[in-house]
N, C-alpha and C. Protein backbone atom coordinates (compact mmCIF):
# COMPACT_ATOMS: atom_id res chain seq x y z
N MET A 1 20.70 -163.57 169.98
CA MET A 1 21.47 -163.16 168.56
C MET A 1 22.72 -163.71 168.60
N LYS A 2 23.17 -164.32 167.53
CA LYS A 2 24.60 -164.90 167.18
C LYS A 2 25.35 -164.23 166.50
N THR A 3 26.61 -163.89 166.62
CA THR A 3 27.53 -163.45 165.66
C THR A 3 28.04 -164.11 164.77
N LEU A 4 27.98 -163.66 163.82
CA LEU A 4 28.71 -164.41 162.31
C LEU A 4 30.05 -163.35 162.02
N THR A 5 30.80 -164.21 161.57
CA THR A 5 32.12 -163.16 161.09
C THR A 5 32.50 -164.08 159.62
N PHE A 6 32.78 -163.15 158.73
CA PHE A 6 33.16 -163.17 157.30
C PHE A 6 34.56 -162.61 156.94
N LYS A 7 35.71 -163.21 155.98
CA LYS A 7 36.22 -162.37 155.10
C LYS A 7 35.32 -162.09 154.16
N THR A 8 35.54 -161.03 153.76
CA THR A 8 35.06 -160.73 152.52
C THR A 8 35.78 -159.68 151.47
N ASN A 9 35.57 -159.27 150.35
CA ASN A 9 36.31 -158.58 149.38
C ASN A 9 35.27 -156.74 149.32
N ILE A 10 34.73 -156.80 150.25
CA ILE A 10 34.05 -155.63 150.53
C ILE A 10 34.95 -154.70 150.98
N ASN A 11 35.91 -153.30 150.15
CA ASN A 11 36.82 -153.05 150.45
C ASN A 11 36.93 -151.50 150.33
N CYS A 12 35.70 -150.86 150.04
CA CYS A 12 35.80 -149.49 150.48
C CYS A 12 34.39 -149.23 150.42
N ASN A 13 34.46 -147.75 150.81
CA ASN A 13 33.19 -146.91 151.34
C ASN A 13 32.07 -147.26 150.13
N GLY A 14 32.29 -147.28 149.05
CA GLY A 14 31.42 -147.70 147.76
C GLY A 14 31.00 -148.95 148.11
N CYS A 15 31.56 -149.77 148.27
CA CYS A 15 30.87 -151.35 148.49
C CYS A 15 30.18 -151.46 149.85
N ILE A 16 30.56 -150.73 150.50
CA ILE A 16 29.80 -150.66 152.02
C ILE A 16 28.46 -150.16 151.47
N ALA A 17 28.31 -149.02 150.63
CA ALA A 17 26.96 -148.59 150.15
C ALA A 17 26.34 -149.22 149.57
N LYS A 18 27.01 -150.10 148.39
CA LYS A 18 26.19 -151.29 147.62
C LYS A 18 25.70 -152.35 148.49
N VAL A 19 26.24 -152.70 149.60
CA VAL A 19 25.83 -153.64 150.38
C VAL A 19 24.46 -153.23 151.23
N THR A 20 24.83 -152.11 151.69
CA THR A 20 23.77 -151.46 152.72
C THR A 20 22.33 -151.65 152.81
N PRO A 21 21.89 -151.26 151.64
CA PRO A 21 20.31 -151.30 151.51
C PRO A 21 19.61 -153.03 151.93
N THR A 22 20.85 -153.78 151.07
CA THR A 22 20.26 -155.16 151.13
C THR A 22 20.69 -155.68 152.73
N LEU A 23 21.47 -155.28 153.40
CA LEU A 23 21.95 -156.15 154.92
C LEU A 23 21.08 -155.44 155.65
N ASN A 24 20.65 -154.09 155.37
CA ASN A 24 19.83 -153.33 156.26
C ASN A 24 18.03 -153.72 156.06
N ASN A 25 17.92 -154.25 155.05
CA ASN A 25 16.58 -154.85 154.54
C ASN A 25 16.29 -156.16 154.75
N THR A 26 17.39 -156.94 155.10
CA THR A 26 17.09 -158.64 155.30
C THR A 26 16.66 -159.08 156.56
N GLU A 27 15.92 -159.52 156.40
CA GLU A 27 15.00 -160.12 157.74
C GLU A 27 15.72 -160.86 158.83
N GLY A 28 15.91 -160.74 159.92
CA GLY A 28 16.94 -161.52 160.87
C GLY A 28 18.36 -160.80 160.98
N ILE A 29 18.78 -159.66 160.29
CA ILE A 29 20.14 -159.20 160.49
C ILE A 29 19.64 -158.18 161.48
N GLY A 30 20.14 -158.13 162.68
CA GLY A 30 19.89 -156.99 163.63
C GLY A 30 21.05 -156.16 163.36
N LYS A 31 22.62 -156.54 163.33
CA LYS A 31 23.27 -155.21 163.20
C LYS A 31 24.03 -155.74 162.63
N TRP A 32 24.97 -154.97 161.64
CA TRP A 32 26.09 -155.74 161.00
C TRP A 32 27.11 -154.88 160.71
N GLU A 33 28.50 -154.83 160.33
CA GLU A 33 29.68 -153.52 160.07
C GLU A 33 30.69 -154.57 159.48
N VAL A 34 31.55 -153.69 158.48
CA VAL A 34 32.46 -154.44 157.83
C VAL A 34 33.90 -153.45 158.38
N ASN A 35 34.85 -154.29 158.56
CA ASN A 35 35.94 -153.31 159.01
C ASN A 35 37.10 -153.49 157.68
N ILE A 36 36.88 -152.29 157.12
CA ILE A 36 37.55 -152.35 155.61
C ILE A 36 39.39 -151.75 156.08
N ALA A 37 39.54 -151.54 157.15
CA ALA A 37 40.99 -151.35 157.74
C ALA A 37 41.58 -152.72 157.80
N ASP A 38 40.85 -153.97 158.09
CA ASP A 38 41.63 -155.21 158.27
C ASP A 38 41.98 -155.93 156.74
N PRO A 39 42.90 -156.22 156.79
CA PRO A 39 43.24 -156.90 155.17
C PRO A 39 42.21 -158.23 155.13
N LYS A 40 41.83 -158.47 155.86
CA LYS A 40 40.78 -159.60 155.57
C LYS A 40 39.22 -159.05 155.33
N LYS A 41 39.00 -157.75 155.59
CA LYS A 41 38.12 -157.08 155.21
C LYS A 41 36.48 -157.66 156.06
N ILE A 42 36.73 -157.90 157.32
CA ILE A 42 35.78 -158.68 158.30
C ILE A 42 34.46 -157.95 158.11
N LEU A 43 33.48 -158.96 157.83
CA LEU A 43 32.16 -158.40 158.09
C LEU A 43 31.57 -158.98 159.17
N THR A 44 30.85 -158.36 159.97
CA THR A 44 30.40 -159.06 161.43
C THR A 44 29.02 -158.77 161.32
N VAL A 45 28.44 -160.11 161.72
CA VAL A 45 26.84 -159.71 161.27
C VAL A 45 25.92 -160.49 162.81
N GLU A 46 25.17 -159.56 163.05
CA GLU A 46 24.11 -159.93 164.31
C GLU A 46 23.17 -160.62 163.79
N THR A 47 22.58 -161.74 164.07
CA THR A 47 21.23 -162.33 163.70
C THR A 47 21.14 -163.03 164.67
N SER A 48 19.15 -163.22 164.30
CA SER A 48 18.64 -164.22 165.29
C SER A 48 18.43 -165.47 164.62
N ASN A 49 18.10 -165.62 163.09
CA ASN A 49 17.87 -167.15 162.47
C ASN A 49 18.76 -167.18 161.32
N LEU A 50 19.10 -166.42 160.78
CA LEU A 50 20.48 -166.58 159.26
C LEU A 50 21.48 -167.65 159.70
N ASP A 51 21.83 -168.34 158.99
CA ASP A 51 23.28 -169.17 159.07
C ASP A 51 24.50 -168.36 158.08
N GLU A 52 25.20 -169.13 158.55
CA GLU A 52 26.34 -168.60 157.42
C GLU A 52 26.27 -168.84 155.95
N GLU A 53 25.45 -170.04 155.39
CA GLU A 53 25.14 -169.97 154.28
C GLU A 53 24.45 -168.97 153.74
N ALA A 54 23.15 -168.37 154.28
CA ALA A 54 22.39 -167.52 154.06
C ALA A 54 23.09 -166.05 153.94
N ILE A 55 24.07 -165.96 154.66
CA ILE A 55 24.95 -164.65 154.50
C ILE A 55 25.56 -164.47 153.54
N ILE A 56 26.49 -165.93 152.88
CA ILE A 56 27.15 -165.94 151.92
C ILE A 56 26.27 -166.11 150.56
N THR A 57 25.08 -166.09 150.53
CA THR A 57 23.95 -166.17 149.54
C THR A 57 23.87 -164.64 149.22
N ILE A 58 23.44 -164.30 150.30
CA ILE A 58 23.01 -162.57 150.18
C ILE A 58 23.94 -162.07 149.77
N LEU A 59 25.30 -161.76 150.14
CA LEU A 59 26.34 -161.07 149.84
C LEU A 59 26.74 -161.66 147.94
N LYS A 60 26.65 -162.67 147.78
CA LYS A 60 26.76 -163.16 146.33
C LYS A 60 25.54 -162.40 145.77
N ASP A 61 24.42 -162.47 145.84
CA ASP A 61 23.51 -161.67 144.89
C ASP A 61 23.89 -160.35 144.85
N VAL A 62 24.59 -159.62 145.90
CA VAL A 62 24.79 -158.33 145.26
C VAL A 62 26.62 -158.10 144.49
N GLY A 63 26.92 -159.19 144.42
CA GLY A 63 28.24 -158.96 143.75
C GLY A 63 29.71 -159.17 144.49
N TYR A 64 29.45 -159.94 145.91
CA TYR A 64 30.74 -159.99 147.04
C TYR A 64 30.66 -161.35 147.38
N HIS A 65 32.04 -161.72 147.73
CA HIS A 65 32.36 -162.75 148.09
C HIS A 65 32.53 -162.62 149.53
N ALA A 66 32.13 -163.94 150.26
CA ALA A 66 32.21 -164.00 151.89
C ALA A 66 32.81 -164.97 152.11
N GLU A 67 33.43 -165.32 152.98
CA GLU A 67 34.03 -166.64 153.33
C GLU A 67 33.95 -166.55 154.96
N LYS A 68 33.30 -167.63 155.64
CA LYS A 68 33.32 -167.75 156.91
C LYS A 68 34.37 -167.83 157.60
N ILE A 69 34.78 -167.29 159.11
CA ILE A 69 35.61 -167.25 159.48
C ILE A 69 35.27 -167.46 161.08
N ASN A 70 36.35 -167.90 162.05
CA ASN A 70 36.12 -167.88 163.47
C ASN A 70 36.21 -166.81 164.05
N PRO A 71 35.46 -166.35 164.94
CA PRO A 71 35.65 -164.99 165.65
C PRO A 71 36.73 -165.03 166.31
């Protein structure tokens, strides 16, 4: 598994609830979390086979923006 981190606009529990079904049901995502207390709203994703662009596209499809950052 590799860990990818993103700056996002997922900024509240309602936003997390909106992305949860999609992220939980995406093949290749083992575990994920969003730190909404961080000003950058950091999304951390553990994945076995997805790359940064795939995660960015998944979030875009449910109405959110993600930008890859280094851990």
